[in-house]
Amino acid sequence: MNKTLKIAMVIAMVVATIFTFSNMAFASGSNAENVVTEIKPDISSVDSSNLTKMAGKVISLIQVASVILAVILIAVFGFKFIMGSANEKADYQKSFIPLIVGLVVVFAATSIAKLIMSIASGM
């Protein structure tokens, strides 16, 4: 279990690093000041209400998926905890802590995102 968790964490870090660096773009032949001043976006046709609704749907989808996954994992870990030996029970107790921390992170992040969206829509 511990080896699998380490492998999953390494894979997650590699994927996060790849996605972080994949968004970088370099302008050739000019410096950053010229690039920023040359870009003049046309934002007159942007409808922020559709974007806010879509972001709300995505956040709600993430919350629902995390609740479903959490219920399944808690049920599986709970069943294994009840049926396991003393050593297995200690391992399953250790597995509950990352699960709870992950749930707190998901709900805190989505709550903060909803708060920011409500503040931004009020402006």
PDB file of N, CA and C in Angstrom:
ATOM      1  N   MET A   1       0.828  -1.193   0.000  1.00  0.00           N
ATOM      2  CA  MET A   1       0.000   0.000   0.000  1.00  0.00           C
ATOM      3  C   MET A   1       0.869   1.252   0.000  1.00  0.00           C
ATOM      4  N   ASN A   2       1.916   1.239   0.810  1.00  0.00           N
ATOM      5  CA  ASN A   2       2.778   2.401   0.930  1.00  0.00           C
ATOM      6  C   ASN A   2       3.541   2.644  -0.369  1.00  0.00           C
ATOM      7  N   LYS A   3       4.009   1.574  -1.030  1.00  0.00           N
ATOM      8  CA  LYS A   3       4.730   1.707  -2.284  1.00  0.00           C
ATOM      9  C   LYS A   3       3.811   2.248  -3.381  1.00  0.00           C
ATOM     10  N   THR A   4       2.590   1.779  -3.418  1.00  0.00           N
ATOM     11  CA  THR A   4       1.619   2.256  -4.398  1.00  0.00           C
ATOM     12  C   THR A   4       1.328   3.734  -4.205  1.00  0.00           C
ATOM     13  N   LEU A   5       1.216   4.158  -2.961  1.00  0.00           N
ATOM     14  CA  LEU A   5       0.969   5.568  -2.673  1.00  0.00           C
ATOM     15  C   LEU A   5       2.137   6.426  -3.123  1.00  0.00           C
ATOM     16  N   LYS A   6       3.357   5.962  -2.899  1.00  0.00           N
ATOM     17  CA  LYS A   6       4.540   6.707  -3.333  1.00  0.00           C
ATOM     18  C   LYS A   6       4.589   6.827  -4.847  1.00  0.00           C
ATOM     19  N   ILE A   7       4.283   5.750  -5.543  1.00  0.00           N
ATOM     20  CA  ILE A   7       4.276   5.772  -7.003  1.00  0.00           C
ATOM     21  C   ILE A   7       3.208   6.730  -7.514  1.00  0.00           C
ATOM     22  N   ALA A   8       2.034   6.713  -6.910  1.00  0.00           N
ATOM     23  CA  ALA A   8       0.956   7.618  -7.322  1.00  0.00           C
ATOM     24  C   ALA A   8       1.345   9.072  -7.087  1.00  0.00           C
ATOM     25  N   MET A   9       2.008   9.353  -5.980  1.00  0.00           N
ATOM     26  CA  MET A   9       2.434  10.728  -5.695  1.00  0.00           C
ATOM     27  C   MET A   9       3.491  11.195  -6.692  1.00  0.00           C
ATOM     28  N   VAL A  10       4.428  10.333  -7.056  1.00  0.00           N
ATOM     29  CA  VAL A  10       5.451  10.693  -8.040  1.00  0.00           C
ATOM     30  C   VAL A  10       4.806  10.960  -9.393  1.00  0.00           C
ATOM     31  N   ILE A  11       3.872  10.119  -9.787  1.00  0.00           N
ATOM     32  CA  ILE A  11       3.175  10.325 -11.061  1.00  0.00           C
ATOM     33  C   ILE A  11       2.396  11.634 -11.033  1.00  0.00           C
ATOM     34  N   ALA A  12       1.735  11.930  -9.928  1.00  0.00           N
ATOM     35  CA  ALA A  12       0.981  13.182  -9.814  1.00  0.00           C
ATOM     36  C   ALA A  12       1.910  14.385  -9.903  1.00  0.00           C
ATOM     37  N   MET A  13       3.076  14.312  -9.280  1.00  0.00           N
ATOM     38  CA  MET A  13       4.021  15.433  -9.352  1.00  0.00           C
ATOM     39  C   MET A  13       4.567  15.614 -10.762  1.00  0.00           C
ATOM     40  N   VAL A  14       4.841  14.510 -11.457  1.00  0.00           N
ATOM     41  CA  VAL A  14       5.338  14.603 -12.832  1.00  0.00           C
ATOM     42  C   VAL A  14       4.279  15.219 -13.736  1.00  0.00           C
ATOM     43  N   VAL A  15       3.041  14.779 -13.599  1.00  0.00           N
ATOM     44  CA  VAL A  15       1.953  15.332 -14.413  1.00  0.00           C
ATOM     45  C   VAL A  15       1.755  16.815 -14.112  1.00  0.00           C
ATOM     46  N   ALA A  16       1.802  17.188 -12.839  1.00  0.00           N
ATOM     47  CA  ALA A  16       1.651  18.600 -12.474  1.00  0.00           C
ATOM     48  C   ALA A  16       2.782  19.432 -13.049  1.00  0.00           C
ATOM     49  N   THR A  17       3.999  18.907 -13.029  1.00  0.00           N
ATOM     50  CA  THR A  17       5.136  19.629 -13.599  1.00  0.00           C
ATOM     51  C   THR A  17       4.979  19.789 -15.099  1.00  0.00           C
ATOM     52  N   ILE A  18       4.553  18.746 -15.770  1.00  0.00           N
ATOM     53  CA  ILE A  18       4.366  18.822 -17.221  1.00  0.00           C
ATOM     54  C   ILE A  18       3.302  19.858 -17.568  1.00  0.00           C
ATOM     55  N   PHE A  19       2.174  19.853 -16.848  1.00  0.00           N
ATOM     56  CA  PHE A  19       1.129  20.820 -17.135  1.00  0.00           C
ATOM     57  C   PHE A  19       1.558  22.239 -16.782  1.00  0.00           C
ATOM     58  N   THR A  20       2.416  22.392 -15.803  1.00  0.00           N
ATOM     59  CA  THR A  20       2.889  23.720 -15.437  1.00  0.00           C
ATOM     60  C   THR A  20       3.742  24.309 -16.543  1.00  0.00           C
ATOM     61  N   PHE A  21       4.654  23.512 -17.074  1.00  0.00           N
ATOM     62  CA  PHE A  21       5.563  24.024 -18.087  1.00  0.00           C
ATOM     63  C   PHE A  21       4.966  24.018 -19.485  1.00  0.00           C
ATOM     64  N   SER A  22       3.894  23.298 -19.710  1.00  0.00           N
ATOM     65  CA  SER A  22       3.298  23.269 -21.039  1.00  0.00           C
ATOM     66  C   SER A  22       2.583  24.570 -21.380  1.00  0.00           C
ATOM     67  N   ASN A  23       2.253  25.374 -20.378  1.00  0.00           N
ATOM     68  CA  ASN A  23       1.553  26.625 -20.632  1.00  0.00           C
ATOM     69  C   ASN A  23       2.488  27.783 -20.921  1.00  0.00           C
ATOM     70  N   MET A  24       3.782  27.582 -20.783  1.00  0.00           N
ATOM     71  CA  MET A  24       4.721  28.670 -21.028  1.00  0.00           C
ATOM     72  C   MET A  24       4.899  28.876 -22.527  1.00  0.00           C
ATOM     73  N   ALA A  25       4.976  30.126 -22.919  1.00  0.00           N
ATOM     74  CA  ALA A  25       5.229  30.472 -24.309  1.00  0.00           C
ATOM     75  C   ALA A  25       6.277  31.568 -24.337  1.00  0.00           C
ATOM     76  N   PHE A  26       7.175  31.483 -25.279  1.00  0.00           N
ATOM     77  CA  PHE A  26       8.245  32.459 -25.366  1.00  0.00           C
ATOM     78  C   PHE A  26       8.110  33.213 -26.680  1.00  0.00           C
ATOM     79  N   ALA A  27       8.163  34.529 -26.594  1.00  0.00           N
ATOM     80  CA  ALA A  27       8.079  35.362 -27.783  1.00  0.00           C
ATOM     81  C   ALA A  27       9.489  35.564 -28.317  1.00  0.00           C
ATOM     82  N   SER A  28       9.700  35.232 -29.568  1.00  0.00           N
ATOM     83  CA  SER A  28      11.040  35.378 -30.132  1.00  0.00           C
ATOM     84  C   SER A  28      11.182  36.753 -30.756  1.00  0.00           C
ATOM     85  N   GLY A  29      12.342  37.343 -30.558  1.00  0.00           N
ATOM     86  CA  GLY A  29      12.642  38.622 -31.178  1.00  0.00           C
ATOM     87  C   GLY A  29      12.064  39.821 -30.457  1.00  0.00           C
ATOM     88  N   SER A  30      11.497  39.676 -29.321  1.00  0.00           N
ATOM     89  CA  SER A  30      10.970  40.819 -28.585  1.00  0.00           C
ATOM     90  C   SER A  30      11.047  40.530 -27.098  1.00  0.00           C
ATOM     91  N   ASN A  31      10.970  41.586 -26.331  1.00  0.00           N
ATOM     92  CA  ASN A  31      10.993  41.373 -24.885  1.00  0.00           C
ATOM     93  C   ASN A  31       9.566  41.386 -24.353  1.00  0.00           C
ATOM     94  N   ALA A  32       9.419  41.142 -23.094  1.00  0.00           N
ATOM     95  CA  ALA A  32       8.086  40.998 -22.505  1.00  0.00           C
ATOM     96  C   ALA A  32       7.288  42.294 -22.564  1.00  0.00           C
ATOM     97  N   GLU A  33       7.948  43.433 -22.425  1.00  0.00           N
ATOM     98  CA  GLU A  33       7.224  44.715 -22.464  1.00  0.00           C
ATOM     99  C   GLU A  33       6.562  44.937 -23.809  1.00  0.00           C
ATOM    100  N   ASN A  34       7.279  44.666 -24.889  1.00  0.00           N
ATOM    101  CA  ASN A  34       6.708  44.865 -26.220  1.00  0.00           C
ATOM    102  C   ASN A  34       5.539  43.920 -26.476  1.00  0.00           C
ATOM    103  N   VAL A  35       5.660  42.713 -26.022  1.00  0.00           N
ATOM    104  CA  VAL A  35       4.591  41.740 -26.240  1.00  0.00           C
ATOM    105  C   VAL A  35       3.325  42.173 -25.514  1.00  0.00           C
ATOM    106  N   VAL A  36       3.455  42.619 -24.277  1.00  0.00           N
ATOM    107  CA  VAL A  36       2.291  43.020 -23.493  1.00  0.00           C
ATOM    108  C   VAL A  36       1.630  44.249 -24.091  1.00  0.00           C
ATOM    109  N   THR A  37       2.403  45.214 -24.552  1.00  0.00           N
ATOM    110  CA  THR A  37       1.816  46.433 -25.107  1.00  0.00           C
ATOM    111  C   THR A  37       1.209  46.200 -26.486  1.00  0.00           C
ATOM    112  N   GLU A  38       1.690  45.194 -27.220  1.00  0.00           N
ATOM    113  CA  GLU A  38       1.142  44.924 -28.548  1.00  0.00           C
ATOM    114  C   GLU A  38      -0.188  44.173 -28.493  1.00  0.00           C
ATOM    115  N   ILE A  39      -0.446  43.472 -27.422  1.00  0.00           N
ATOM    116  CA  ILE A  39      -1.683  42.704 -27.301  1.00  0.00           C
ATOM    117  C   ILE A  39      -2.789  43.628 -26.815  1.00  0.00           C
ATOM    118  N   LYS A  40      -3.829  43.763 -27.620  1.00  0.00           N
ATOM    119  CA  LYS A  40      -4.979  44.583 -27.245  1.00  0.00           C
ATOM    120  C   LYS A  40      -6.230  43.744 -27.454  1.00  0.00           C
ATOM    121  N   PRO A  41      -6.650  43.012 -26.442  1.00  0.00           N
ATOM    122  CA  PRO A  41      -7.807  42.128 -26.620  1.00  0.00           C
ATOM    123  C   PRO A  41      -9.109  42.910 -26.740  1.00  0.00           C
ATOM    124  N   ASP A  42     -10.021  42.356 -27.508  1.00  0.00           N
ATOM    125  CA  ASP A  42     -11.350  42.936 -27.644  1.00  0.00           C
ATOM    126  C   ASP A  42     -12.269  42.215 -26.664  1.00  0.00           C
ATOM    127  N   ILE A  43     -12.551  42.860 -25.542  1.00  0.00           N
ATOM    128  CA  ILE A  43     -13.378  42.226 -24.515  1.00  0.00           C
ATOM    129  C   ILE A  43     -14.810  42.753 -24.520  1.00  0.00           C
ATOM    130  N   SER A  44     -15.183  43.476 -25.542  1.00  0.00           N
ATOM    131  CA  SER A  44     -16.534  44.026 -25.579  1.00  0.00           C
ATOM    132  C   SER A  44     -17.593  42.941 -25.784  1.00  0.00           C
ATOM    133  N   SER A  45     -17.213  41.824 -26.403  1.00  0.00           N
ATOM    134  CA  SER A  45     -18.198  40.778 -26.683  1.00  0.00           C
ATOM    135  C   SER A  45     -18.174  39.642 -25.660  1.00  0.00           C
ATOM    136  N   VAL A  46     -17.400  39.765 -24.597  1.00  0.00           N
ATOM    137  CA  VAL A  46     -17.308  38.702 -23.597  1.00  0.00           C
ATOM    138  C   VAL A  46     -18.495  38.794 -22.650  1.00  0.00           C
ATOM    139  N   ASP A  47     -19.196  37.673 -22.473  1.00  0.00           N
ATOM    140  CA  ASP A  47     -20.334  37.610 -21.566  1.00  0.00           C
ATOM    141  C   ASP A  47     -19.898  36.859 -20.312  1.00  0.00           C
ATOM    142  N   SER A  48     -19.727  37.587 -19.227  1.00  0.00           N
ATOM    143  CA  SER A  48     -19.194  36.972 -18.009  1.00  0.00           C
ATOM    144  C   SER A  48     -20.220  36.094 -17.292  1.00  0.00           C
ATOM    145  N   SER A  49     -21.493  36.292 -17.548  1.00  0.00           N
ATOM    146  CA  SER A  49     -22.491  35.472 -16.853  1.00  0.00           C
ATOM    147  C   SER A  49     -22.423  34.012 -17.304  1.00  0.00           C
ATOM    148  N   ASN A  50     -22.182  33.781 -18.602  1.00  0.00           N
ATOM    149  CA  ASN A  50     -22.047  32.402 -19.084  1.00  0.00           C
ATOM    150  C   ASN A  50     -20.812  31.734 -18.499  1.00  0.00           C
ATOM    151  N   LEU A  51     -19.729  32.507 -18.393  1.00  0.00           N
ATOM    152  CA  LEU A  51     -18.501  31.968 -17.822  1.00  0.00           C
ATOM    153  C   LEU A  51     -18.693  31.627 -16.351  1.00  0.00           C
ATOM    154  N   THR A  52     -19.403  32.478 -15.634  1.00  0.00           N
ATOM    155  CA  THR A  52     -19.672  32.230 -14.218  1.00  0.00           C
ATOM    156  C   THR A  52     -20.550  30.996 -14.041  1.00  0.00           C
ATOM    157  N   LYS A  53     -21.563  30.851 -14.893  1.00  0.00           N
ATOM    158  CA  LYS A  53     -22.435  29.676 -14.810  1.00  0.00           C
ATOM    159  C   LYS A  53     -21.663  28.395 -15.104  1.00  0.00           C
ATOM    160  N   MET A  54     -20.794  28.439 -16.107  1.00  0.00           N
ATOM    161  CA  MET A  54     -20.012  27.257 -16.463  1.00  0.00           C
ATOM    162  C   MET A  54     -19.044  26.893 -15.342  1.00  0.00           C
ATOM    163  N   ALA A  55     -18.406  27.886 -14.749  1.00  0.00           N
ATOM    164  CA  ALA A  55     -17.487  27.615 -13.632  1.00  0.00           C
ATOM    165  C   ALA A  55     -18.245  27.037 -12.441  1.00  0.00           C
ATOM    166  N   GLY A  56     -19.433  27.537 -12.189  1.00  0.00           N
ATOM    167  CA  GLY A  56     -20.254  26.994 -11.105  1.00  0.00           C
ATOM    168  C   GLY A  56     -20.631  25.542 -11.344  1.00  0.00           C
ATOM    169  N   LYS A  57     -20.950  25.211 -12.604  1.00  0.00           N
ATOM    170  CA  LYS A  57     -21.283  23.824 -12.934  1.00  0.00           C
ATOM    171  C   LYS A  57     -20.077  22.907 -12.750  1.00  0.00           C
ATOM    172  N   VAL A  58     -18.905  23.390 -13.156  1.00  0.00           N
ATOM    173  CA  VAL A  58     -17.690  22.587 -13.011  1.00  0.00           C
ATOM    174  C   VAL A  58     -17.378  22.350 -11.538  1.00  0.00           C
ATOM    175  N   ILE A  59     -17.494  23.390 -10.730  1.00  0.00           N
ATOM    176  CA  ILE A  59     -17.225  23.263  -9.293  1.00  0.00           C
ATOM    177  C   ILE A  59     -18.225  22.307  -8.649  1.00  0.00           C
ATOM    178  N   SER A  60     -19.484  22.420  -9.013  1.00  0.00           N
ATOM    179  CA  SER A  60     -20.493  21.502  -8.466  1.00  0.00           C
ATOM    180  C   SER A  60     -20.219  20.063  -8.879  1.00  0.00           C
ATOM    181  N   LEU A  61     -19.794  19.867 -10.120  1.00  0.00           N
ATOM    182  CA  LEU A  61     -19.463  18.530 -10.597  1.00  0.00           C
ATOM    183  C   LEU A  61     -18.292  17.944  -9.813  1.00  0.00           C
ATOM    184  N   ILE A  62     -17.284  18.758  -9.546  1.00  0.00           N
ATOM    185  CA  ILE A  62     -16.131  18.296  -8.764  1.00  0.00           C
ATOM    186  C   ILE A  62     -16.565  17.908  -7.360  1.00  0.00           C
ATOM    187  N   GLN A  63     -17.422  18.715  -6.756  1.00  0.00           N
ATOM    188  CA  GLN A  63     -17.888  18.401  -5.404  1.00  0.00           C
ATOM    189  C   GLN A  63     -18.702  17.107  -5.379  1.00  0.00           C
ATOM    190  N   VAL A  64     -19.599  16.929  -6.320  1.00  0.00           N
ATOM    191  CA  VAL A  64     -20.427  15.722  -6.352  1.00  0.00           C
ATOM    192  C   VAL A  64     -19.554  14.488  -6.578  1.00  0.00           C
ATOM    193  N   ALA A  65     -18.612  14.588  -7.511  1.00  0.00           N
ATOM    194  CA  ALA A  65     -17.723  13.452  -7.774  1.00  0.00           C
ATOM    195  C   ALA A  65     -16.880  13.117  -6.551  1.00  0.00           C
ATOM    196  N   SER A  66     -16.405  14.134  -5.848  1.00  0.00           N
ATOM    197  CA  SER A  66     -15.585  13.868  -4.660  1.00  0.00           C
ATOM    198  C   SER A  66     -16.416  13.270  -3.527  1.00  0.00           C
ATOM    199  N   VAL A  67     -17.670  13.676  -3.401  1.00  0.00           N
ATOM    200  CA  VAL A  67     -18.539  13.084  -2.372  1.00  0.00           C
ATOM    201  C   VAL A  67     -18.804  11.612  -2.687  1.00  0.00           C
ATOM    202  N   ILE A  68     -19.105  11.319  -3.938  1.00  0.00           N
ATOM    203  CA  ILE A  68     -19.357   9.926  -4.329  1.00  0.00           C
ATOM    204  C   ILE A  68     -18.117   9.073  -4.084  1.00  0.00           C
ATOM    205  N   LEU A  69     -16.967   9.570  -4.507  1.00  0.00           N
ATOM    206  CA  LEU A  69     -15.725   8.836  -4.302  1.00  0.00           C
ATOM    207  C   LEU A  69     -15.410   8.664  -2.819  1.00  0.00           C
ATOM    208  N   ALA A  70     -15.646   9.700  -2.030  1.00  0.00           N
ATOM    209  CA  ALA A  70     -15.378   9.617  -0.591  1.00  0.00           C
ATOM    210  C   ALA A  70     -16.279   8.591   0.085  1.00  0.00           C
ATOM    211  N   VAL A  71     -17.551   8.567  -0.284  1.00  0.00           N
ATOM    212  CA  VAL A  71     -18.473   7.594   0.315  1.00  0.00           C
ATOM    213  C   VAL A  71     -18.039   6.169  -0.030  1.00  0.00           C
ATOM    214  N   ILE A  72     -17.662   5.955  -1.278  1.00  0.00           N
ATOM    215  CA  ILE A  72     -17.213   4.621  -1.686  1.00  0.00           C
ATOM    216  C   ILE A  72     -15.945   4.228  -0.934  1.00  0.00           C
ATOM    217  N   LEU A  73     -14.969   5.146  -0.864  1.00  0.00           N
ATOM    218  CA  LEU A  73     -13.715   4.830  -0.178  1.00  0.00           C
ATOM    219  C   LEU A  73     -13.919   4.606   1.314  1.00  0.00           C
ATOM    220  N   ILE A  74     -14.746   5.414   1.936  1.00  0.00           N
ATOM    221  CA  ILE A  74     -15.006   5.232   3.368  1.00  0.00           C
ATOM    222  C   ILE A  74     -15.703   3.892   3.610  1.00  0.00           C
ATOM    223  N   ALA A  75     -16.626   3.523   2.731  1.00  0.00           N
ATOM    224  CA  ALA A  75     -17.303   2.231   2.888  1.00  0.00           C
ATOM    225  C   ALA A  75     -16.322   1.072   2.719  1.00  0.00           C
ATOM    226  N   VAL A  76     -15.460   1.152   1.708  1.00  0.00           N
ATOM    227  CA  VAL A  76     -14.489   0.078   1.474  1.00  0.00           C
ATOM    228  C   VAL A  76     -13.493  -0.002   2.621  1.00  0.00           C
ATOM    229  N   PHE A  77     -12.923   1.152   3.012  1.00  0.00           N
ATOM    230  CA  PHE A  77     -11.965   1.152   4.124  1.00  0.00           C
ATOM    231  C   PHE A  77     -12.629   0.699   5.420  1.00  0.00           C
ATOM    232  N   GLY A  78     -13.851   1.116   5.647  1.00  0.00           N
ATOM    233  CA  GLY A  78     -14.563   0.707   6.855  1.00  0.00           C
ATOM    234  C   GLY A  78     -14.808  -0.788   6.899  1.00  0.00           C
ATOM    235  N   PHE A  79     -15.218  -1.356   5.770  1.00  0.00           N
ATOM    236  CA  PHE A  79     -15.441  -2.803   5.708  1.00  0.00           C
ATOM    237  C   PHE A  79     -14.141  -3.563   5.944  1.00  0.00           C
ATOM    238  N   LYS A  80     -13.065  -3.105   5.291  1.00  0.00           N
ATOM    239  CA  LYS A  80     -11.769  -3.762   5.478  1.00  0.00           C
ATOM    240  C   LYS A  80     -11.258  -3.574   6.903  1.00  0.00           C
ATOM    241  N   PHE A  81     -11.557  -2.424   7.495  1.00  0.00           N
ATOM    242  CA  PHE A  81     -11.136  -2.162   8.874  1.00  0.00           C
ATOM    243  C   PHE A  81     -11.833  -3.114   9.840  1.00  0.00           C
ATOM    244  N   ILE A  82     -13.116  -3.325   9.620  1.00  0.00           N
ATOM    245  CA  ILE A  82     -13.881  -4.217  10.500  1.00  0.00           C
ATOM    246  C   ILE A  82     -13.425  -5.665  10.344  1.00  0.00           C
ATOM    247  N   MET A  83     -13.152  -6.082   9.121  1.00  0.00           N
ATOM    248  CA  MET A  83     -12.796  -7.474   8.864  1.00  0.00           C
ATOM    249  C   MET A  83     -11.307  -7.763   9.013  1.00  0.00           C
ATOM    250  N   GLY A  84     -10.467  -6.747   9.125  1.00  0.00           N
ATOM    251  CA  GLY A  84      -9.025  -6.951   9.124  1.00  0.00           C
ATOM    252  C   GLY A  84      -8.448  -7.332  10.473  1.00  0.00           C
ATOM    253  N   SER A  85      -7.177  -7.752  10.413  1.00  0.00           N
ATOM    254  CA  SER A  85      -6.451  -8.076  11.643  1.00  0.00           C
ATOM    255  C   SER A  85      -5.947  -6.780  12.276  1.00  0.00           C
ATOM    256  N   ALA A  86      -5.227  -6.910  13.385  1.00  0.00           N
ATOM    257  CA  ALA A  86      -4.746  -5.723  14.102  1.00  0.00           C
ATOM    258  C   ALA A  86      -3.769  -4.917  13.255  1.00  0.00           C
ATOM    259  N   ASN A  87      -2.882  -5.592  12.533  1.00  0.00           N
ATOM    260  CA  ASN A  87      -1.928  -4.880  11.676  1.00  0.00           C
ATOM    261  C   ASN A  87      -2.633  -4.196  10.513  1.00  0.00           C
ATOM    262  N   GLU A  88      -3.599  -4.876   9.926  1.00  0.00           N
ATOM    263  CA  GLU A  88      -4.347  -4.285   8.819  1.00  0.00           C
ATOM    264  C   GLU A  88      -5.169  -3.097   9.289  1.00  0.00           C
ATOM    265  N   LYS A  89      -5.707  -3.172  10.492  1.00  0.00           N
ATOM    266  CA  LYS A  89      -6.489  -2.058  11.028  1.00  0.00           C
ATOM    267  C   LYS A  89      -5.622  -0.818  11.177  1.00  0.00           C
ATOM    268  N   ALA A  90      -4.379  -0.988  11.584  1.00  0.00           N
ATOM    269  CA  ALA A  90      -3.470   0.155  11.710  1.00  0.00           C
ATOM    270  C   ALA A  90      -3.196   0.769  10.344  1.00  0.00           C
ATOM    271  N   ASP A  91      -3.040  -0.072   9.315  1.00  0.00           N
ATOM    272  CA  ASP A  91      -2.817   0.439   7.962  1.00  0.00           C
ATOM    273  C   ASP A  91      -4.033   1.204   7.448  1.00  0.00           C
ATOM    274  N   TYR A  92      -5.223   0.674   7.713  1.00  0.00           N
ATOM    275  CA  TYR A  92      -6.430   1.346   7.241  1.00  0.00           C
ATOM    276  C   TYR A  92      -6.684   2.644   7.998  1.00  0.00           C
ATOM    277  N   GLN A  93      -6.299   2.678   9.273  1.00  0.00           N
ATOM    278  CA  GLN A  93      -6.425   3.932  10.023  1.00  0.00           C
ATOM    279  C   GLN A  93      -5.532   4.995   9.412  1.00  0.00           C
ATOM    280  N   LYS A  94      -4.335   4.604   8.987  1.00  0.00           N
ATOM    281  CA  LYS A  94      -3.421   5.550   8.341  1.00  0.00           C
ATOM    282  C   LYS A  94      -3.971   6.005   6.988  1.00  0.00           C
ATOM    283  N   SER A  95      -4.748   5.169   6.327  1.00  0.00           N
ATOM    284  CA  SER A  95      -5.319   5.526   5.027  1.00  0.00           C
ATOM    285  C   SER A  95      -6.453   6.533   5.157  1.00  0.00           C
ATOM    286  N   PHE A  96      -7.102   6.570   6.308  1.00  0.00           N
ATOM    287  CA  PHE A  96      -8.208   7.506   6.495  1.00  0.00           C
ATOM    288  C   PHE A  96      -7.727   8.955   6.553  1.00  0.00           C
ATOM    289  N   ILE A  97      -6.552   9.195   7.087  1.00  0.00           N
ATOM    290  CA  ILE A  97      -6.067  10.571   7.262  1.00  0.00           C
ATOM    291  C   ILE A  97      -5.912  11.282   5.917  1.00  0.00           C
ATOM    292  N   PRO A  98      -5.217  10.706   4.906  1.00  0.00           N
ATOM    293  CA  PRO A  98      -5.149  11.397   3.609  1.00  0.00           C
ATOM    294  C   PRO A  98      -6.516  11.577   2.953  1.00  0.00           C
ATOM    295  N   LEU A  99      -7.414  10.628   3.183  1.00  0.00           N
ATOM    296  CA  LEU A  99      -8.763  10.740   2.627  1.00  0.00           C
ATOM    297  C   LEU A  99      -9.488  11.950   3.202  1.00  0.00           C
ATOM    298  N   ILE A 100      -9.428  12.119   4.504  1.00  0.00           N
ATOM    299  CA  ILE A 100     -10.085  13.253   5.151  1.00  0.00           C
ATOM    300  C   ILE A 100      -9.427  14.565   4.741  1.00  0.00           C
ATOM    301  N   VAL A 101      -8.093  14.586   4.678  1.00  0.00           N
ATOM    302  CA  VAL A 101      -7.384  15.801   4.258  1.00  0.00           C
ATOM    303  C   VAL A 101      -7.759  16.159   2.820  1.00  0.00           C
ATOM    304  N   GLY A 102      -7.848  15.167   1.948  1.00  0.00           N
ATOM    305  CA  GLY A 102      -8.245  15.418   0.566  1.00  0.00           C
ATOM    306  C   GLY A 102      -9.647  15.987   0.460  1.00  0.00           C
ATOM    307  N   LEU A 103     -10.570  15.464   1.247  1.00  0.00           N
ATOM    308  CA  LEU A 103     -11.935  16.000   1.246  1.00  0.00           C
ATOM    309  C   LEU A 103     -11.965  17.446   1.725  1.00  0.00           C
ATOM    310  N   VAL A 104     -11.216  17.731   2.770  1.00  0.00           N
ATOM    311  CA  VAL A 104     -11.168  19.108   3.279  1.00  0.00           C
ATOM    312  C   VAL A 104     -10.601  20.040   2.220  1.00  0.00           C
ATOM    313  N   VAL A 105      -9.557  19.605   1.521  1.00  0.00           N
ATOM    314  CA  VAL A 105      -8.956  20.442   0.476  1.00  0.00           C
ATOM    315  C   VAL A 105      -9.947  20.686  -0.657  1.00  0.00           C
ATOM    316  N   VAL A 106     -10.644  19.648  -1.095  1.00  0.00           N
ATOM    317  CA  VAL A 106     -11.603  19.807  -2.197  1.00  0.00           C
ATOM    318  C   VAL A 106     -12.717  20.770  -1.815  1.00  0.00           C
ATOM    319  N   PHE A 107     -13.305  20.582  -0.637  1.00  0.00           N
ATOM    320  CA  PHE A 107     -14.421  21.439  -0.259  1.00  0.00           C
ATOM    321  C   PHE A 107     -13.964  22.849   0.095  1.00  0.00           C
ATOM    322  N   ALA A 108     -12.783  22.999   0.667  1.00  0.00           N
ATOM    323  CA  ALA A 108     -12.280  24.343   0.955  1.00  0.00           C
ATOM    324  C   ALA A 108     -11.966  25.073  -0.345  1.00  0.00           C
ATOM    325  N   ALA A 109     -11.353  24.380  -1.300  1.00  0.00           N
ATOM    326  CA  ALA A 109     -11.013  25.016  -2.574  1.00  0.00           C
ATOM    327  C   ALA A 109     -12.264  25.424  -3.341  1.00  0.00           C
ATOM    328  N   THR A 110     -13.257  24.549  -3.385  1.00  0.00           N
ATOM    329  CA  THR A 110     -14.469  24.903  -4.118  1.00  0.00           C
ATOM    330  C   THR A 110     -15.251  25.997  -3.397  1.00  0.00           C
ATOM    331  N   SER A 111     -15.226  25.997  -2.077  1.00  0.00           N
ATOM    332  CA  SER A 111     -15.912  27.064  -1.337  1.00  0.00           C
ATOM    333  C   SER A 111     -15.229  28.402  -1.553  1.00  0.00           C
ATOM    334  N   ILE A 112     -13.906  28.402  -1.556  1.00  0.00           N
ATOM    335  CA  ILE A 112     -13.169  29.642  -1.813  1.00  0.00           C
ATOM    336  C   ILE A 112     -13.423  30.113  -3.240  1.00  0.00           C
ATOM    337  N   ALA A 113     -13.454  29.180  -4.196  1.00  0.00           N
ATOM    338  CA  ALA A 113     -13.729  29.556  -5.582  1.00  0.00           C
ATOM    339  C   ALA A 113     -15.133  30.139  -5.724  1.00  0.00           C
ATOM    340  N   LYS A 114     -16.121  29.546  -5.051  1.00  0.00           N
ATOM    341  CA  LYS A 114     -17.482  30.094  -5.102  1.00  0.00           C
ATOM    342  C   LYS A 114     -17.542  31.478  -4.463  1.00  0.00           C
ATOM    343  N   LEU A 115     -16.812  31.680  -3.377  1.00  0.00           N
ATOM    344  CA  LEU A 115     -16.774  32.986  -2.731  1.00  0.00           C
ATOM    345  C   LEU A 115     -16.177  34.027  -3.666  1.00  0.00           C
ATOM    346  N   ILE A 116     -15.090  33.692  -4.333  1.00  0.00           N
ATOM    347  CA  ILE A 116     -14.462  34.621  -5.271  1.00  0.00           C
ATOM    348  C   ILE A 116     -15.390  34.912  -6.440  1.00  0.00           C
ATOM    349  N   MET A 117     -16.093  33.878  -6.941  1.00  0.00           N
ATOM    350  CA  MET A 117     -17.027  34.105  -8.049  1.00  0.00           C
ATOM    351  C   MET A 117     -18.176  35.007  -7.630  1.00  0.00           C
ATOM    352  N   SER A 118     -18.684  34.836  -6.419  1.00  0.00           N
ATOM    353  CA  SER A 118     -19.794  35.683  -5.974  1.00  0.00           C
ATOM    354  C   SER A 118     -19.334  37.116  -5.768  1.00  0.00           C
ATOM    355  N   ILE A 119     -18.127  37.299  -5.278  1.00  0.00           N
ATOM    356  CA  ILE A 119     -17.595  38.657  -5.120  1.00  0.00           C
ATOM    357  C   ILE A 119     -17.367  39.287  -6.483  1.00  0.00           C
ATOM    358  N   ALA A 120     -16.820  38.506  -7.430  1.00  0.00           N
ATOM    359  CA  ALA A 120     -16.550  39.037  -8.764  1.00  0.00           C
ATOM    360  C   ALA A 120     -17.838  39.351  -9.514  1.00  0.00           C
ATOM    361  N   SER A 121     -18.872  38.552  -9.332  1.00  0.00           N
ATOM    362  CA  SER A 121     -20.126  38.816 -10.041  1.00  0.00           C
ATOM    363  C   SER A 121     -20.851  40.025  -9.462  1.00  0.00           C
ATOM    364  N   GLY A 122     -20.551  40.379  -8.216  1.00  0.00           N
ATOM    365  CA  GLY A 122     -21.167  41.548  -7.597  1.00  0.00           C
ATOM    366  C   GLY A 122     -20.541  42.858  -8.043  1.00  0.00           C
ATOM    367  N   MET A 123     -19.380  42.783  -8.674  1.00  0.00           N
ATOM    368  CA  MET A 123     -18.687  44.013  -9.093  1.00  0.00           C
ATOM    369  C   MET A 123     -19.252  44.583 -10.352  1.00  0.00           C
TER     370      MET A 123
END
